[in-house]
Amino acid sequence: MHINKIVAISVFALIATACGSQYNKFKKDVNGGSTYVYGEIDGPAKQLKNTYPSARPETVEKANKFRALVEKELVSGYAAN
């Protein structure tokens, strides 16, 4: 029982010292507001602008159908909550 108390106190001390660590602090986002990093707010993703010449038309059509299905499910999921 005595060893359990020592282990519990040691774990608590380690956790308490980790809370004040120099690495556990929020820093200002240096890329905040950058359209290069975050893209256009409420706009389409930058990845959607990429086109690949080697893509087959049926693959592109299938990807667009899947994207529409996912967006529909996301919108209906938000409306249900």
Protein backbone atom coordinates (compact mmCIF):
# COMPACT_ATOMS: atom_id res chain seq x y z
CA MET A 1 0.00 0.00 0.00
CA HIS A 2 2.87 2.34 0.78
CA ILE A 3 4.43 1.79 -2.65
CA ASN A 4 1.10 2.59 -4.34
CA LYS A 5 1.00 5.96 -2.59
CA ILE A 6 4.56 6.74 -3.65
CA VAL A 7 3.78 5.81 -7.26
CA ALA A 8 0.58 7.88 -7.22
CA ILE A 9 2.38 10.92 -5.80
CA SER A 10 5.20 10.55 -8.33
CA VAL A 11 2.77 10.32 -11.25
CA PHE A 12 0.86 13.35 -9.98
CA ALA A 13 4.12 15.31 -9.62
CA LEU A 14 5.17 14.43 -13.18
CA ILE A 15 1.80 15.46 -14.58
CA ALA A 16 1.81 18.70 -12.58
CA THR A 17 5.26 19.67 -13.82
CA ALA A 18 4.30 18.88 -17.42
CA CYS A 19 1.49 21.45 -17.25
CA GLY A 20 4.00 24.28 -16.79
CA SER A 21 6.35 23.05 -19.48
CA GLN A 22 7.84 25.50 -21.93
CA TYR A 23 6.51 23.31 -24.74
CA ASN A 24 2.93 23.35 -23.49
CA LYS A 25 1.96 26.87 -24.46
CA PHE A 26 -0.25 28.21 -27.20
CA LYS A 27 1.54 30.38 -29.69
CA LYS A 28 0.18 32.81 -32.20
CA ASP A 29 -0.30 31.21 -35.61
CA VAL A 30 2.36 32.76 -37.83
CA ASN A 31 0.39 31.68 -40.92
CA GLY A 32 -2.91 33.09 -39.72
CA GLY A 33 -4.90 34.52 -42.59
CA SER A 34 -2.56 33.17 -45.24
CA THR A 35 -4.47 32.06 -48.32
CA TYR A 36 -1.47 29.98 -49.37
CA VAL A 37 -1.73 27.85 -46.23
CA TYR A 38 -5.47 27.87 -45.49
CA GLY A 39 -6.95 28.67 -48.90
CA GLU A 40 -9.97 30.85 -49.37
CA ILE A 41 -12.27 30.90 -46.38
CA ASP A 42 -15.65 29.34 -47.29
CA GLY A 43 -14.34 28.67 -50.78
CA PRO A 44 -13.52 25.43 -52.54
CA ALA A 45 -10.43 23.54 -51.47
CA LYS A 46 -7.25 24.28 -53.40
CA GLN A 47 -6.89 20.56 -54.17
CA LEU A 48 -10.06 20.65 -56.25
CA LYS A 49 -8.40 23.02 -58.71
CA ASN A 50 -5.81 20.38 -59.66
CA THR A 51 -6.43 18.54 -62.89
CA TYR A 52 -4.56 15.47 -63.96
CA PRO A 53 -4.19 14.86 -67.69
CA SER A 54 -3.67 11.13 -67.19
CA ALA A 55 -6.98 10.70 -65.36
CA ARG A 56 -9.56 8.64 -67.17
CA PRO A 57 -12.96 10.35 -67.68
CA GLU A 58 -14.86 7.57 -65.88
CA THR A 59 -12.57 7.94 -62.86
CA VAL A 60 -13.13 11.67 -62.73
CA GLU A 61 -16.90 11.17 -63.02
CA LYS A 62 -16.85 8.58 -60.24
CA ALA A 63 -14.83 10.91 -57.98
CA ASN A 64 -17.26 13.78 -58.61
CA LYS A 65 -20.25 11.55 -57.75
CA PHE A 66 -18.53 10.43 -54.55
CA ARG A 67 -17.67 14.03 -53.63
CA ALA A 68 -21.29 15.11 -54.16
CA LEU A 69 -22.52 12.21 -52.01
CA VAL A 70 -20.14 13.07 -49.19
CA GLU A 71 -21.07 16.75 -49.28
CA LYS A 72 -24.76 15.86 -49.23
CA GLU A 73 -24.25 13.60 -46.21
CA LEU A 74 -22.22 16.27 -44.40
CA VAL A 75 -24.87 18.91 -44.99
CA SER A 76 -27.69 16.60 -43.88
CA GLY A 77 -25.64 15.59 -40.83
CA TYR A 78 -25.23 19.22 -39.77
CA ALA A 79 -28.92 19.91 -40.35
CA ALA A 80 -29.90 16.98 -38.11
CA ASN A 81 -27.83 18.33 -35.21
